[in-house]
Protein backbone atom coordinates (compact mmCIF):
# COMPACT_ATOMS: atom_id res chain seq x y z
CA UNK A 1 0.21 0.05 -0.07
CA UNK A 2 2.98 2.94 0.84
CA UNK A 3 3.77 1.84 -2.73
CA UNK A 4 0.63 2.38 -4.12
CA UNK A 5 0.72 5.88 -2.26
CA UNK A 6 3.70 6.55 -4.09
CA UNK A 7 1.74 7.55 -7.09
CA UNK A 8 0.00 10.67 -5.11
CA UNK A 9 2.10 11.28 -1.87
CA UNK A 10 -0.24 13.33 0.72
CA UNK A 11 1.68 16.58 -0.59
CA UNK A 12 0.43 15.72 -3.93
CA UNK A 13 -3.11 15.49 -3.04
CA UNK A 14 -2.63 18.57 -1.13
CA UNK A 15 -1.87 19.67 -3.70
CA UNK A 16 -4.12 18.81 -6.35
CA UNK A 17 -6.77 20.02 -3.79
CA UNK A 18 -7.01 22.71 -1.57
CA UNK A 19 -6.25 24.86 -4.57
CA UNK A 20 -9.48 23.01 -6.13
CA UNK A 21 -11.28 24.09 -3.11
CA UNK A 22 -9.78 27.40 -2.78
CA UNK A 23 -10.47 28.18 -6.79
CA UNK A 24 -14.41 27.30 -5.71
CA UNK A 25 -14.45 29.17 -3.03
CA UNK A 26 -13.37 32.07 -5.06
CA UNK A 27 -15.34 32.40 -7.75
CA UNK A 28 -18.04 31.78 -4.44
CA UNK A 29 -17.18 34.81 -3.00
CA UNK A 30 -16.63 36.69 -6.13
CA UNK A 31 -19.94 35.91 -7.44
CA UNK A 32 -21.44 37.73 -4.36
CA UNK A 33 -19.58 40.31 -4.52
CA UNK A 34 -21.27 40.91 -8.39
CA UNK A 35 -24.22 40.75 -7.27
CA UNK A 36 -23.36 43.62 -4.75
CA UNK A 37 -22.05 45.60 -6.92
CA UNK A 38 -24.98 45.50 -9.48
CA UNK A 39 -27.66 45.79 -7.56
CA UNK A 40 -26.30 49.79 -7.45
CA UNK A 41 -26.80 49.51 -11.05
CA UNK A 42 -31.09 49.57 -10.46
CA UNK A 43 -33.58 46.50 -9.78
CA UNK A 44 -33.60 45.89 -13.45
CA UNK A 45 -29.98 45.38 -13.87
CA UNK A 46 -30.28 42.47 -10.96
CA UNK A 47 -33.13 41.28 -12.73
CA UNK A 48 -31.69 40.89 -15.92
CA UNK A 49 -28.32 39.49 -14.86
CA UNK A 50 -29.83 36.88 -12.42
CA UNK A 51 -32.41 35.79 -15.26
CA UNK A 52 -29.46 35.73 -17.56
CA UNK A 53 -27.68 33.38 -15.97
CA UNK A 54 -29.83 30.84 -15.13
CA UNK A 55 -30.10 30.64 -18.93
CA UNK A 56 -25.91 30.72 -19.20
CA UNK A 57 -25.57 28.48 -17.16
CA UNK A 58 -26.79 25.53 -18.90
CA UNK A 59 -24.40 26.45 -21.85
CA UNK A 60 -21.57 26.95 -18.86
CA UNK A 61 -22.58 23.54 -18.15
CA UNK A 62 -22.17 21.70 -21.66
CA UNK A 63 -18.36 23.60 -21.62
CA UNK A 64 -18.12 22.05 -18.48
CA UNK A 65 -18.92 19.44 -19.63
CA UNK A 66 -16.69 19.44 -23.06
CA UNK A 67 -13.61 19.77 -20.81
CA UNK A 68 -14.71 16.78 -18.52
CA UNK A 69 -14.61 14.58 -20.86
CA UNK A 70 -11.01 15.87 -22.31
CA UNK A 71 -9.72 15.56 -18.79
CA UNK A 72 -10.50 11.97 -18.55
CA UNK A 73 -9.01 10.95 -21.53
CA UNK A 74 -6.01 13.24 -20.83
CA UNK A 75 -5.88 11.70 -17.58
CA UNK A 76 -4.93 8.07 -18.99
CA UNK A 77 -3.14 9.17 -21.63
CA UNK A 78 -1.01 10.59 -18.80
CA UNK A 79 -1.43 7.46 -16.96
CA UNK A 80 0.15 4.85 -19.50
CA UNK A 81 2.92 8.21 -19.73
CA UNK A 82 1.94 8.88 -23.59
CA UNK A 83 2.87 12.60 -23.10
CA UNK A 84 2.03 13.33 -26.92
CA UNK A 85 -0.96 11.40 -27.40
CA UNK A 86 -2.39 13.21 -24.54
CA UNK A 87 -1.06 16.58 -25.85
CA UNK A 88 -3.20 15.22 -28.93
CA UNK A 89 -6.40 14.74 -27.06
CA UNK A 90 -5.62 18.22 -25.45
CA UNK A 91 -5.51 19.19 -28.76
CA UNK A 92 -8.44 18.00 -30.56
CA UNK A 93 -10.88 19.04 -26.91
CA UNK A 94 -9.86 23.08 -27.94
CA UNK A 95 -10.45 22.45 -31.60
CA UNK A 96 -13.83 21.37 -30.89
CA UNK A 97 -14.96 23.50 -27.77
CA UNK A 98 -13.66 26.35 -29.88
CA UNK A 99 -15.60 25.63 -33.17
CA UNK A 100 -18.78 24.17 -30.59
CA UNK A 101 -18.73 27.24 -28.57
CA UNK A 102 -18.83 29.67 -32.04
CA UNK A 103 -21.74 28.28 -33.19
CA UNK A 104 -23.54 28.46 -29.60
CA UNK A 105 -22.55 32.37 -29.44
CA UNK A 106 -23.53 32.88 -33.06
CA UNK A 107 -27.26 31.28 -32.31
CA UNK A 108 -27.20 33.09 -29.17
CA UNK A 109 -26.51 36.47 -31.13
CA UNK A 110 -29.05 35.85 -33.48
CA UNK A 111 -32.00 33.91 -31.84
CA UNK A 112 -31.54 35.22 -28.33
CA UNK A 113 -34.27 37.77 -27.97
CA UNK A 114 -36.64 35.84 -28.77
CA UNK A 115 -35.67 33.22 -26.05
CA UNK A 116 -35.58 35.61 -23.94
CA UNK A 117 -39.18 36.32 -24.60
CA UNK A 118 -40.61 32.96 -24.78
CA UNK A 119 -38.62 32.16 -21.40
CA UNK A 120 -39.12 35.79 -19.29
CA UNK A 121 -42.03 37.42 -21.51
CA UNK A 122 -44.00 38.62 -19.55
CA UNK A 123 -41.13 40.60 -17.59
CA UNK A 124 -40.94 44.07 -17.04
CA UNK A 125 -40.17 46.64 -20.55
CA UNK A 126 -36.68 47.60 -18.52
CA UNK A 127 -35.92 44.05 -17.38
CA UNK A 128 -36.23 42.77 -20.43
CA UNK A 129 -34.02 45.34 -22.38
CA UNK A 130 -31.54 44.37 -19.53
CA UNK A 131 -31.66 40.84 -19.99
CA UNK A 132 -30.92 42.11 -24.03
CA UNK A 133 -28.19 43.84 -22.83
CA UNK A 134 -26.00 41.52 -20.84
CA UNK A 135 -27.34 38.30 -23.25
CA UNK A 136 -25.51 39.60 -26.10
CA UNK A 137 -21.97 40.66 -24.32
CA UNK A 138 -22.37 37.67 -22.37
CA UNK A 139 -22.64 35.51 -26.12
CA UNK A 140 -19.27 36.67 -27.20
CA UNK A 141 -17.72 35.55 -23.70
CA UNK A 142 -18.59 31.81 -24.81
CA UNK A 143 -15.63 30.92 -26.91
CA UNK A 144 -13.39 32.50 -24.50
CA UNK A 145 -15.30 31.12 -21.57
CA UNK A 146 -14.59 27.60 -23.70
CA UNK A 147 -11.17 27.47 -24.50
CA UNK A 148 -10.37 28.60 -21.05
CA UNK A 149 -12.21 24.59 -19.77
CA UNK A 150 -9.85 23.31 -22.20
CA UNK A 151 -6.74 24.86 -21.41
CA UNK A 152 -7.49 24.08 -17.50
CA UNK A 153 -8.73 20.17 -18.41
CA UNK A 154 -5.12 19.85 -18.92
CA UNK A 155 -3.05 21.25 -16.03
CA UNK A 156 -5.88 19.37 -13.89
CA UNK A 157 -5.36 16.29 -15.41
CA UNK A 158 -1.63 16.93 -14.61
CA UNK A 159 -2.59 17.74 -10.84
CA UNK A 160 -1.32 21.19 -11.93
CA UNK A 161 -4.67 22.80 -9.96
CA UNK A 162 -2.44 25.64 -8.37
CA UNK A 163 -2.29 27.32 -11.74
CA UNK A 164 -6.19 28.01 -12.21
CA UNK A 165 -6.37 28.76 -9.25
CA UNK A 166 -3.88 31.74 -9.12
CA UNK A 167 -5.32 32.71 -12.54
CA UNK A 168 -8.80 32.68 -11.22
CA UNK A 169 -7.86 34.95 -8.52
CA UNK A 170 -6.34 37.84 -11.01
CA UNK A 171 -9.15 36.65 -13.63
CA UNK A 172 -12.15 37.57 -10.94
CA UNK A 173 -9.65 40.58 -9.59
CA UNK A 174 -10.08 42.22 -13.39
CA UNK A 175 -14.04 41.05 -13.32
CA UNK A 176 -14.46 43.42 -9.77
CA UNK A 177 -12.75 46.58 -10.14
CA UNK A 178 -14.23 46.42 -14.14
CA UNK A 179 -17.74 46.00 -12.60
CA UNK A 180 -16.82 48.45 -9.57
CA UNK A 181 -15.44 51.16 -12.81
CA UNK A 182 -18.61 49.60 -14.88
CA UNK A 183 -21.44 51.18 -12.35
CA UNK A 184 -19.68 54.01 -10.59
CA UNK A 185 -17.54 55.77 -12.93
CA UNK A 186 -19.27 55.05 -16.10
CA UNK A 187 -22.47 54.38 -14.99
CA UNK A 188 -23.19 51.66 -17.40
CA UNK A 189 -25.73 49.88 -16.00
CA UNK A 190 -26.29 46.37 -16.90
CA UNK A 191 -23.40 47.01 -19.98
CA UNK A 192 -21.09 47.99 -16.56
CA UNK A 193 -21.23 44.76 -15.01
CA UNK A 194 -20.97 42.42 -18.38
CA UNK A 195 -18.07 43.98 -20.29
CA UNK A 196 -15.78 43.29 -17.42
CA UNK A 197 -16.95 39.66 -17.48
CA UNK A 198 -16.11 39.84 -20.67
CA UNK A 199 -12.71 40.80 -20.07
CA UNK A 200 -12.00 38.75 -17.63
CA UNK A 201 -13.10 35.46 -18.76
CA UNK A 202 -10.74 36.42 -22.37
CA UNK A 203 -7.63 37.44 -20.12
CA UNK A 204 -7.52 33.78 -18.76
CA UNK A 205 -8.65 31.91 -22.21
CA UNK A 206 -5.22 33.88 -23.45
CA UNK A 207 -2.91 33.17 -20.78
CA UNK A 208 -4.06 29.56 -20.42
CA UNK A 209 -4.02 29.13 -23.85
CA UNK A 210 -0.38 29.83 -23.77
CA UNK A 211 0.69 28.44 -20.64
CA UNK A 212 -0.96 25.17 -22.50
CA UNK A 213 1.65 25.75 -25.44
CA UNK A 214 4.95 25.16 -23.15
CA UNK A 215 6.97 22.19 -23.97
CA UNK A 216 8.07 21.69 -19.95
CA UNK A 217 4.46 21.26 -19.05
CA UNK A 218 4.80 17.11 -20.62
CA UNK A 219 1.30 17.94 -22.14
CA UNK A 220 1.13 20.61 -24.69
CA UNK A 221 -0.86 22.19 -27.37
CA UNK A 222 -0.07 20.94 -31.03
CA UNK A 223 -0.61 23.04 -34.10
CA UNK A 224 -0.82 20.52 -36.40
CA UNK A 225 -3.95 18.72 -34.38
CA UNK A 226 -5.67 21.83 -33.33
CA UNK A 227 -6.29 22.28 -37.33
CA UNK A 228 -6.80 18.81 -37.61
CA UNK A 229 -9.65 17.04 -36.82
CA UNK A 230 -9.33 12.98 -35.60
CA UNK A 231 -12.24 11.29 -35.59
CA UNK A 232 -11.02 8.35 -32.66
CA UNK A 233 -9.88 11.03 -30.58
CA UNK A 234 -13.16 13.08 -30.67
CA UNK A 235 -14.92 9.58 -30.21
CA UNK A 236 -12.63 9.20 -27.27
CA UNK A 237 -14.15 12.77 -25.60
CA UNK A 238 -17.30 12.81 -26.52
CA UNK A 239 -18.23 10.00 -25.35
CA UNK A 240 -17.87 11.21 -21.72
CA UNK A 241 -18.90 14.76 -22.70
CA UNK A 242 -22.32 13.93 -24.12
CA UNK A 243 -23.69 11.33 -21.25
CA UNK A 244 -21.98 14.27 -19.12
CA UNK A 245 -23.94 16.71 -20.85
CA UNK A 246 -26.99 15.43 -21.14
CA UNK A 247 -26.71 14.89 -17.32
CA UNK A 248 -26.39 17.51 -16.49
CA UNK A 249 -28.90 19.34 -19.05
CA UNK A 250 -31.55 16.90 -17.18
CA UNK A 251 -30.59 18.28 -13.64
CA UNK A 252 -30.84 21.78 -14.89
CA UNK A 253 -34.74 21.15 -16.44
CA UNK A 254 -35.65 19.32 -13.35
CA UNK A 255 -34.00 22.65 -11.58
CA UNK A 256 -36.49 25.03 -13.41
CA UNK A 257 -39.82 22.16 -12.66
CA UNK A 258 -38.67 22.56 -8.90
CA UNK A 259 -38.71 26.72 -8.86
CA UNK A 260 -42.17 26.43 -10.36
CA UNK A 261 -43.07 24.07 -7.49
CA UNK A 262 -41.51 26.17 -4.61
CA UNK A 263 -43.54 29.33 -6.18
CA UNK A 264 -46.55 27.80 -5.00
CA UNK A 265 -45.78 27.58 -1.44
CA UNK A 266 -45.92 31.14 -0.34
CA UNK A 267 -43.59 34.42 0.22
CA UNK A 268 -41.86 33.14 3.56
CA UNK A 269 -40.97 30.05 2.36
CA UNK A 270 -40.14 31.21 -1.18
CA UNK A 271 -37.21 33.83 0.34
CA UNK A 272 -36.44 31.23 3.19
CA UNK A 273 -35.81 28.85 -0.09
CA UNK A 274 -34.30 31.36 -1.56
CA UNK A 275 -31.45 32.61 0.80
CA UNK A 276 -30.81 28.74 1.85
CA UNK A 277 -29.99 27.89 -1.75
CA UNK A 278 -27.13 30.67 -1.12
CA UNK A 279 -26.13 29.19 2.04
CA UNK A 280 -26.36 25.15 0.34
CA UNK A 281 -24.00 26.93 -2.51
CA UNK A 282 -21.64 27.77 -0.24
CA UNK A 283 -21.64 24.72 1.67
CA UNK A 284 -21.38 22.09 -1.27
CA UNK A 285 -17.98 23.63 -1.97
CA UNK A 286 -15.64 20.82 -0.28
CA UNK A 287 -17.42 17.82 -2.37
CA UNK A 288 -17.59 19.97 -5.61
CA UNK A 289 -14.01 20.62 -5.44
CA UNK A 290 -13.22 17.00 -4.75
CA UNK A 291 -14.82 15.99 -8.11
CA UNK A 292 -11.66 17.26 -10.24
CA UNK A 293 -9.61 15.87 -7.86
CA UNK A 294 -11.04 12.17 -8.47
CA UNK A 295 -11.28 12.61 -12.05
CA UNK A 296 -7.37 13.36 -12.55
CA UNK A 297 -5.96 10.42 -10.04
CA UNK A 298 -8.51 7.42 -11.14
CA UNK A 299 -8.11 8.59 -14.15
CA UNK A 300 -4.05 8.21 -14.37
CA UNK A 301 -4.30 5.22 -12.57
CA UNK A 302 -6.71 3.76 -14.79
CA UNK A 303 -4.38 4.83 -17.92
CA UNK A 304 -1.87 3.60 -16.40
CA UNK A 305 -3.95 -0.15 -15.61
CA UNK A 306 -3.04 0.08 -12.11
CA UNK A 307 -6.41 -1.33 -10.87
CA UNK A 308 -4.80 -1.93 -7.56
CA UNK A 309 -3.72 1.92 -7.36
CA UNK A 310 -7.33 2.79 -8.37
CA UNK A 311 -9.03 1.44 -5.87
CA UNK A 312 -6.85 2.45 -3.50
CA UNK A 313 -7.46 6.07 -4.02
CA UNK A 314 -10.77 5.63 -4.70
CA UNK A 315 -11.08 4.67 -1.05
CA UNK A 316 -8.66 7.69 0.35
CA UNK A 317 -10.22 9.96 -2.33
CA UNK A 318 -13.33 8.98 -0.21
CA UNK A 319 -12.08 9.23 2.88
CA UNK A 320 -10.93 12.40 1.86
CA UNK A 321 -13.83 13.83 0.57
CA UNK A 322 -16.07 12.72 3.82
CA UNK A 323 -13.45 14.54 6.13
CA UNK A 324 -13.56 17.53 4.09
CA UNK A 325 -16.81 17.87 4.06
CA UNK A 326 -18.14 17.29 6.90
CA UNK A 327 -15.74 19.63 8.52
CA UNK A 328 -17.18 22.29 6.11
CA UNK A 329 -20.36 21.43 6.86
CA UNK A 330 -20.16 21.64 10.28
CA UNK A 331 -18.31 25.43 9.82
CA UNK A 332 -21.12 27.03 7.27
CA UNK A 333 -24.04 25.68 9.62
CA UNK A 334 -21.96 26.98 12.39
CA UNK A 335 -22.05 29.83 10.60
CA UNK A 336 -25.48 30.45 9.31
CA UNK A 337 -26.90 32.38 12.29
CA UNK A 338 -24.10 35.61 11.15
CA UNK A 339 -25.06 35.04 7.67
CA UNK A 340 -28.79 35.31 7.91
CA UNK A 341 -27.96 38.79 10.36
CA UNK A 342 -27.88 40.14 6.24
CA UNK A 343 -30.69 39.21 5.33
CA UNK A 344 -34.00 41.05 6.90
CA UNK A 345 -36.03 38.42 7.42
CA UNK A 346 -39.15 37.39 9.88
CA UNK A 347 -38.22 35.27 12.50
CA UNK A 348 -39.79 32.36 10.96
CA UNK A 349 -38.71 32.75 7.67
CA UNK A 350 -35.18 32.32 9.60
CA UNK A 351 -36.11 29.77 11.25
CA UNK A 352 -36.86 27.57 7.76
CA UNK A 353 -33.90 28.83 6.48
CA UNK A 354 -31.86 27.02 9.93
CA UNK A 355 -34.46 23.86 9.26
CA UNK A 356 -32.94 24.02 5.76
CA UNK A 357 -29.61 24.38 6.18
CA UNK A 358 -29.46 21.64 8.62
CA UNK A 359 -30.78 19.20 6.04
CA UNK A 360 -28.94 19.85 3.28
CA UNK A 361 -25.76 20.04 5.40
CA UNK A 362 -25.84 16.59 7.53
CA UNK A 363 -27.10 14.40 4.15
CA UNK A 364 -24.26 16.75 2.28
CA UNK A 365 -20.95 15.59 4.31
CA UNK A 366 -22.65 12.40 4.33
CA UNK A 367 -24.21 11.17 1.26
CA UNK A 368 -22.91 13.86 -1.65
CA UNK A 369 -18.88 12.51 -1.86
CA UNK A 370 -20.59 8.74 -2.69
CA UNK A 371 -23.36 10.61 -4.58
CA UNK A 372 -20.96 13.27 -6.08
CA UNK A 373 -17.42 13.11 -6.09
CA UNK A 374 -17.75 9.33 -6.13
CA UNK A 375 -19.34 9.08 -9.34
CA UNK A 376 -16.53 11.34 -11.01
CA UNK A 377 -14.35 8.34 -10.38
CA UNK A 378 -16.39 6.16 -11.37
CA UNK A 379 -16.47 8.71 -15.24
CA UNK A 380 -12.72 8.33 -14.31
CA UNK A 381 -12.51 4.91 -14.77
CA UNK A 382 -14.85 4.72 -18.10
CA UNK A 383 -18.23 3.81 -16.16
CA UNK A 384 -19.64 6.58 -17.90
CA UNK A 385 -23.38 5.26 -19.47
CA UNK A 386 -24.13 3.93 -16.06
CA UNK A 387 -23.57 6.70 -13.66
CA UNK A 388 -25.46 9.13 -16.53
CA UNK A 389 -28.41 6.59 -16.52
CA UNK A 390 -28.76 6.40 -12.91
CA UNK A 391 -28.09 10.32 -12.51
CA UNK A 392 -30.66 10.84 -14.31
CA UNK A 393 -33.12 8.08 -13.08
CA UNK A 394 -32.75 9.63 -10.22
CA UNK A 395 -33.24 13.06 -11.17
CA UNK A 396 -36.40 12.45 -12.35
CA UNK A 397 -38.06 9.51 -10.62
CA UNK A 398 -36.43 10.44 -6.78
CA UNK A 399 -36.09 14.01 -6.87
CA UNK A 400 -39.08 15.14 -8.56
CA UNK A 401 -41.12 12.81 -8.10
CA UNK A 402 -40.21 12.98 -4.39
CA UNK A 403 -40.89 16.63 -4.25
CA UNK A 404 -44.09 16.83 -5.89
CA UNK A 405 -44.96 13.85 -3.72
CA UNK A 406 -43.15 15.62 -0.39
CA UNK A 407 -43.79 18.99 -1.24
CA UNK A 408 -47.71 19.31 -2.53
CA UNK A 409 -49.74 15.90 -1.81
CA UNK A 410 -48.02 15.70 2.09
CA UNK A 411 -48.08 19.74 2.49
CA UNK A 412 -44.41 19.68 3.61
CA UNK A 413 -43.76 22.42 1.03
CA UNK A 414 -39.72 23.67 0.88
CA UNK A 415 -39.11 21.14 3.35
CA UNK A 416 -40.47 18.74 1.01
CA UNK A 417 -38.40 19.68 -1.51
CA UNK A 418 -35.03 19.48 0.68
CA UNK A 419 -35.74 16.08 1.72
CA UNK A 420 -36.65 14.76 -2.17
CA UNK A 421 -33.25 16.13 -3.38
CA UNK A 422 -31.64 14.47 -0.11
CA UNK A 423 -33.23 11.48 -1.03
CA UNK A 424 -32.12 11.51 -4.39
CA UNK A 425 -28.22 11.70 -2.52
CA UNK A 426 -28.24 8.93 -1.02
CA UNK A 427 -30.39 6.83 -3.70
CA UNK A 428 -27.15 7.72 -5.96
CA UNK A 429 -24.77 6.72 -3.45
CA UNK A 430 -25.98 3.47 -2.42
CA UNK A 431 -25.94 2.88 -5.67
CA UNK A 432 -22.67 4.43 -6.93
CA UNK A 433 -20.67 2.39 -4.11
CA UNK A 434 -22.59 -1.08 -4.72
CA UNK A 435 -21.23 -0.12 -8.08
CA UNK A 436 -17.45 -0.08 -6.81
CA UNK A 437 -17.76 -2.52 -4.55
CA UNK A 438 -18.77 -5.20 -7.36
CA UNK A 439 -16.39 -4.72 -9.05
CA UNK A 440 -13.55 -4.69 -6.49
CA UNK A 441 -14.67 -7.81 -5.49
CA UNK A 442 -13.21 -8.98 -9.34
CA UNK A 443 -9.75 -8.34 -7.90
CA UNK A 444 -10.44 -12.43 -6.69
CA UNK A 445 -11.14 -12.69 -10.33
CA UNK A 446 -7.99 -10.87 -12.00
CA UNK A 447 -10.93 -8.71 -13.45
CA UNK A 448 -10.81 -5.66 -11.04
CA UNK A 449 -11.87 -1.98 -12.28
CA UNK A 450 -10.67 -3.72 -15.40
CA UNK A 451 -14.58 -4.74 -16.03
CA UNK A 452 -14.90 -1.61 -15.89
CA UNK A 453 -12.03 0.32 -17.42
CA UNK A 454 -11.43 -2.72 -19.94
CA UNK A 455 -12.85 -1.93 -23.02
CA UNK A 456 -12.59 1.89 -22.47
CA UNK A 457 -8.83 1.12 -22.27
CA UNK A 458 -8.74 -0.89 -25.27
CA UNK A 459 -10.12 2.23 -27.26
CA UNK A 460 -7.62 4.45 -25.61
CA UNK A 461 -4.77 1.90 -27.01
CA UNK A 462 -6.11 1.98 -30.23
CA UNK A 463 -6.30 5.28 -30.82
CA UNK A 464 -2.70 5.93 -29.60
CA UNK A 465 -2.28 3.54 -32.43
CA UNK A 466 -3.67 4.95 -35.29
CA UNK A 467 -1.99 8.53 -33.80
CA UNK A 468 0.93 7.32 -34.55
CA UNK A 469 -0.18 5.59 -37.93
């Protein structure tokens, strides 16, 4: 076991996980600061930015899904020490992400106003004007966002997460300073917060791309593969990205449906749910940050066909996730009364928020490490379709159905929505944990996690051979 631990030492894991966590925390804090600055641009601006960000989230998840697919493939190649092939896969990821994002950007620029009126047609005229302005400027930034995610996939696959963290720090400083100038100095309203976001994303995309051409990284972009389509390589990436994107798409649609259900419960419950959601986002950071760590570590182990090491790190990373999530969720719960001092809420609403945060944080610490972070490890091992099917089924049959049952039929309101959410986590956690255990039990039959990864590794190897030809 000590020998396996040498693949990723405790220092290696700490240097990988801590920047991921800090980067997620930074993005969360900057998002809160953005909201505060935008509020000074007027209620119409706040409403417009809020509505468009819900729309933008769909595309952000698509670009993230693409990058995750690329990260798995790149990590597997790194595990096999096939650095040139990893660079080819990374270059193909950049090619597809850029082309795909440009198409999405053009589509939104041409039809964005129509889509906004279709989705939010009943909003006031000044709010719709703010939506249109913010969406058009946001659409210009889609290619930059996709290019950044492609480059970040390389550094996260290499375990160099401090690079993306420092870049995120600088990018977000640019964004905040730009917002302050745009709102308070130029009085540009919603455009004053949209353009700084575009500038910050372009900055991140340019810097990460330049860094990805540095040969000392081991995995680098290669011009001949950036402008040359390779079907075998793209099939590997999309084989993970498409199911992941479909899973995230279903999740976002269900979130919209749940928002409609919450709207039925009355003002104080809607307010409590909104405040609780913001605290939940903060509490979930630990589990979310561990996802890329699973992809990098398990992906490299499986790429090297070292299934014993993959099993060892599955267990170790799960323990770390449980410990980190438990400590962080406990801390956020203790701080919840302080957070609530910022909000002008009735005592009844504040009590409901505390109950919602308690329900979320207990199960986010106990169940989400298995339903969320562990599932990323299974994807990195090539078990993509299974995780997608379970996640989609759980989202629809457990979260959505139980939300209707608990929230409306049993008249539990937003407490019922929260219970449905944790039931979804528990269902996934049990299924994914049993899936992992069942595969590991095959060690005695000399199959181990190869049962999951075998065909996937064969695809990796065949693709590598075709690249050499």
